[in-house]
Amino acid sequence: MSIEPPAGTITIAGKTVSRLGFGTMRLTGPGTWGHPEDFTTAVCVLRQAVNAYGITHIDTADAYGPHTAEALIRHALYPYPDDVLVATKVGMIRPAPHVWAPHGHPGYLRACVEASLRRLGRERLDLCYLHRIDPKVPIEDQLGTLQALKSEGKIGHIGLSKVTSEDIRLAGKYIAVAAVQNVLNVRDNFDPALELCRDLG
C-alpha cells in the first residue's frame, strides 16, 4: 500500500512545510502530564509522521508533559532533516495534570526558551509561540523578551497562540507575528482572526 503525502505546502517562519502538521500534545501521559504509556510507540509515531507520511511541520510546547514532548521529538528525529520545522511554545506553567496557567514573566520566558533549546538539541528555535498572553504581565514585556531572544539568534520567528484579532494587532506593534495558532474546526463559530491573518499574510 502506498501512502500519499499530505496535499499541498505552506510557508511558515520562512520554511516551506507540509500543509498538514503533527501536534505532539497527545504523545504525553493522561492529562497531558508525564511520559507516554508506551515510549517506543510514541517515538515510532513521530518517525512515521515524518518518514512515511511526509509531515514536515511538528508542533510542540514545553508545557506538554511538561517537557516530555520536546524530549521525545529529539529522541525520535534528531538530527533533524533540513525540511522539518519544529515549532514550540513557551509561557505556560503546569502545576498538575489538566492544569494550565499562563506565566509571562520575562525571566521565566527566557528560561523556557533556553530549556527548550537544550531539550530539542537546537541552537535556534525556528518558530517559538507565546503559549498564552499573560494578563498579569505587560504584553510589551512578554513580547520584548521573545524579541530580544530573536535578536540574540535563539529564536528565528515569533508566533502567538489562542489570541484574538485585537491581540494580534497589539502584538504587531512590538514584533513581527510570523504565525498564529488558534482553534479552527467545524464545531466552532468562525474566528475573525483567520481573516486578519490572511490579510496580514
Protein backbone atom coordinates (compact mmCIF):
# COMPACT_ATOMS: atom_id res chain seq x y z
CA MET A 1 0.00 0.00 0.00
CA SER A 2 1.43 3.39 -0.94
CA ILE A 3 0.97 6.33 1.40
CA GLU A 4 0.30 9.70 -0.16
CA PRO A 5 1.96 12.71 1.49
CA PRO A 6 -0.34 15.48 2.75
CA ALA A 7 -1.63 17.59 -0.12
CA GLY A 8 -0.03 20.98 -0.57
CA THR A 9 2.52 23.06 1.26
CA ILE A 10 2.55 26.34 3.14
CA THR A 11 5.29 28.71 4.21
CA ILE A 12 5.74 29.15 7.95
CA ALA A 13 8.58 31.08 9.51
CA GLY A 14 10.38 31.24 6.18
CA LYS A 15 10.27 27.48 5.61
CA THR A 16 8.07 25.57 3.16
CA VAL A 17 6.38 22.74 5.05
CA SER A 18 3.53 20.29 4.64
CA ARG A 19 0.10 21.89 4.93
CA LEU A 20 -0.83 19.19 7.43
CA GLY A 21 1.22 19.37 10.61
CA PHE A 22 1.61 16.97 13.51
CA GLY A 23 0.74 18.09 17.04
CA THR A 24 2.53 16.27 19.84
CA MET A 25 0.36 17.08 22.86
CA ARG A 26 -1.28 13.62 22.86
CA LEU A 27 2.08 11.85 22.94
CA THR A 28 2.32 12.59 26.67
CA GLY A 29 0.57 10.84 29.55
CA PRO A 30 -3.06 11.32 30.68
CA GLY A 31 -3.91 14.94 31.35
CA THR A 32 -1.01 15.98 29.11
CA TRP A 33 1.11 15.00 32.08
CA GLY A 34 4.19 12.83 32.32
CA HIS A 35 5.52 10.27 29.92
CA PRO A 36 3.53 8.25 27.38
CA GLU A 37 2.43 4.80 28.45
CA ASP A 38 4.45 3.33 25.56
CA PHE A 39 7.62 5.28 24.83
CA THR A 40 8.59 3.11 21.87
CA THR A 41 5.24 3.62 20.15
CA ALA A 42 5.38 7.38 20.71
CA VAL A 43 8.80 7.53 19.07
CA CYS A 44 7.56 5.33 16.21
CA VAL A 45 4.56 7.63 15.61
CA LEU A 46 6.83 10.67 15.33
CA ARG A 47 9.17 8.93 12.90
CA GLN A 48 6.30 7.64 10.77
CA ALA A 49 4.75 11.11 10.61
CA VAL A 50 7.94 12.44 9.00
CA ASN A 51 9.32 9.44 7.13
CA ALA A 52 6.16 7.67 5.96
CA TYR A 53 3.59 10.46 5.72
CA GLY A 54 5.79 13.38 4.68
CA ILE A 55 4.87 15.64 7.58
CA THR A 56 7.46 18.41 7.86
CA HIS A 57 5.70 20.65 10.42
CA ILE A 58 5.94 19.37 14.00
CA ASP A 59 4.16 21.34 16.74
CA THR A 60 5.00 21.02 20.42
CA ALA A 61 5.32 23.01 23.67
CA ASP A 62 7.46 22.93 26.76
CA ALA A 63 4.22 22.53 28.74
CA TYR A 64 3.38 19.18 27.10
CA GLY A 65 4.32 16.75 29.81
CA PRO A 66 5.69 19.23 30.89
CA HIS A 67 8.93 18.90 28.91
CA THR A 68 8.11 15.37 27.74
CA ALA A 69 7.09 16.03 24.13
CA GLU A 70 10.19 18.10 23.30
CA ALA A 71 12.47 15.35 24.61
CA LEU A 72 10.52 12.75 22.60
CA ILE A 73 10.93 14.79 19.43
CA ARG A 74 14.69 14.98 19.88
CA HIS A 75 14.92 11.26 20.59
CA ALA A 76 12.86 10.40 17.52
CA LEU A 77 14.06 12.90 14.93
CA TYR A 78 17.50 14.24 15.82
CA PRO A 79 19.46 15.07 13.74
CA TYR A 80 16.55 16.86 12.13
CA PRO A 81 16.01 16.70 8.37
CA ASP A 82 16.59 20.08 6.74
CA ASP A 83 12.96 20.35 5.60
CA VAL A 84 11.42 19.74 9.05
CA LEU A 85 10.16 22.71 11.08
CA VAL A 86 9.80 22.11 14.81
CA ALA A 87 7.64 24.82 16.38
CA THR A 88 7.36 25.04 20.15
CA LYS A 89 5.53 27.21 22.66
CA VAL A 90 6.62 28.83 25.94
CA GLY A 91 4.92 30.79 28.70
CA MET A 92 2.71 28.24 30.47
CA ILE A 93 3.17 26.54 33.83
CA ARG A 94 1.83 23.08 34.69
CA PRO A 95 1.29 22.54 38.41
CA ALA A 96 -0.75 19.35 37.90
CA PRO A 97 -2.44 17.15 35.27
CA HIS A 98 -5.10 19.06 33.28
CA VAL A 99 -3.98 22.33 34.92
CA TRP A 100 -2.57 25.11 32.75
CA ALA A 101 -1.71 28.70 33.71
CA PRO A 102 -0.03 31.44 31.67
CA HIS A 103 3.21 32.80 33.12
CA GLY A 104 4.75 35.57 31.07
CA HIS A 105 7.38 36.95 33.42
CA PRO A 106 10.39 37.87 31.26
CA GLY A 107 12.82 35.80 33.32
CA TYR A 108 10.59 32.76 33.06
CA LEU A 109 10.15 33.13 29.29
CA ARG A 110 13.90 33.37 28.81
CA ALA A 111 14.47 30.29 30.96
CA CYS A 112 11.80 28.41 28.96
CA VAL A 113 13.46 29.20 25.65
CA GLU A 114 16.89 28.18 26.93
CA ALA A 115 15.49 24.90 28.28
CA SER A 116 13.60 24.16 25.04
CA LEU A 117 16.80 24.68 23.07
CA ARG A 118 18.55 22.09 25.24
CA ARG A 119 15.70 19.55 25.16
CA LEU A 120 15.30 19.81 21.39
CA GLY A 121 19.04 19.89 20.75
CA ARG A 122 18.85 23.11 18.77
CA GLU A 123 20.86 26.31 18.68
CA ARG A 124 17.79 28.22 17.50
CA LEU A 125 14.04 27.65 17.75
CA ASP A 126 12.76 28.06 14.19
CA LEU A 127 9.34 29.17 15.43
CA CYS A 128 8.53 29.96 19.06
CA TYR A 129 4.98 30.80 20.10
CA LEU A 130 3.94 32.69 23.20
CA HIS A 131 1.66 29.92 24.51
CA ARG A 132 -0.73 32.43 26.09
CA ILE A 133 -0.60 36.15 26.73
CA ASP A 134 -0.34 36.53 30.49
CA PRO A 135 -2.81 39.23 31.62
CA LYS A 136 -0.72 39.87 34.74
CA VAL A 137 2.38 40.93 32.82
CA PRO A 138 2.55 43.86 30.36
CA ILE A 139 2.41 42.43 26.85
CA GLU A 140 5.34 44.57 25.78
CA ASP A 141 7.48 42.85 28.42
CA GLN A 142 6.47 39.38 27.24
CA LEU A 143 6.96 40.09 23.55
CA GLY A 144 10.02 42.21 24.22
CA THR A 145 11.69 39.23 25.85
CA LEU A 146 10.99 36.99 22.87
CA GLN A 147 12.15 39.73 20.51
CA ALA A 148 15.40 40.07 22.48
CA LEU A 149 15.93 36.30 22.20
CA LYS A 150 15.29 36.59 18.48
CA SER A 151 17.92 39.32 18.23
CA GLU A 152 20.34 37.01 20.05
CA GLY A 153 19.73 34.32 17.44
CA LYS A 154 17.95 31.92 19.80
CA ILE A 155 14.54 32.33 18.12
CA GLY A 156 14.01 32.52 14.37
CA HIS A 157 10.38 33.65 14.29
CA ILE A 158 7.74 34.51 16.91
CA GLY A 159 4.13 33.32 16.92
CA LEU A 160 1.03 33.71 19.08
CA SER A 161 -1.33 31.06 20.43
CA LYS A 162 -5.04 31.32 21.32
CA VAL A 163 -5.35 35.03 20.56
CA THR A 164 -7.99 37.45 19.33
CA SER A 165 -7.76 39.82 16.40
CA GLU A 166 -7.16 42.63 18.88
CA ASP A 167 -4.28 40.69 20.43
CA ILE A 168 -2.70 40.20 17.02
CA ARG A 169 -2.94 43.88 16.15
CA LEU A 170 -1.48 44.89 19.52
CA ALA A 171 1.35 42.37 19.27
CA GLY A 172 2.17 43.72 15.81
CA LYS A 173 3.31 46.94 17.47
CA TYR A 174 6.13 45.06 19.19
CA ILE A 175 7.04 42.08 17.00
CA ALA A 176 6.60 40.68 13.52
CA VAL A 177 3.96 37.99 14.11
CA ALA A 178 5.03 35.03 11.98
CA ALA A 179 2.18 32.64 12.80
CA VAL A 180 -0.99 32.29 14.85
CA GLN A 181 -2.21 29.04 16.36
CA ASN A 182 -5.91 29.17 17.17
CA VAL A 183 -8.64 26.54 17.37
CA LEU A 184 -10.32 26.06 13.99
CA ASN A 185 -12.86 23.31 13.38
CA VAL A 186 -16.37 22.82 12.06
CA ARG A 187 -17.94 22.82 15.53
CA ASP A 188 -16.79 26.32 16.49
CA ASN A 189 -18.00 29.66 15.26
CA PHE A 190 -15.84 31.34 12.66
CA ASP A 191 -12.77 33.03 14.15
CA PRO A 192 -12.29 36.54 12.73
CA ALA A 193 -8.57 36.20 13.49
CA LEU A 194 -8.38 33.87 10.46
CA GLU A 195 -9.31 36.65 8.04
CA LEU A 196 -6.95 39.07 9.79
CA CYS A 197 -4.09 36.60 9.45
CA ARG A 198 -4.91 36.14 5.78
CA ASP A 199 -4.93 39.94 5.30
CA LEU A 200 -1.58 40.26 7.08
CA GLY A 201 -0.02 37.44 5.10
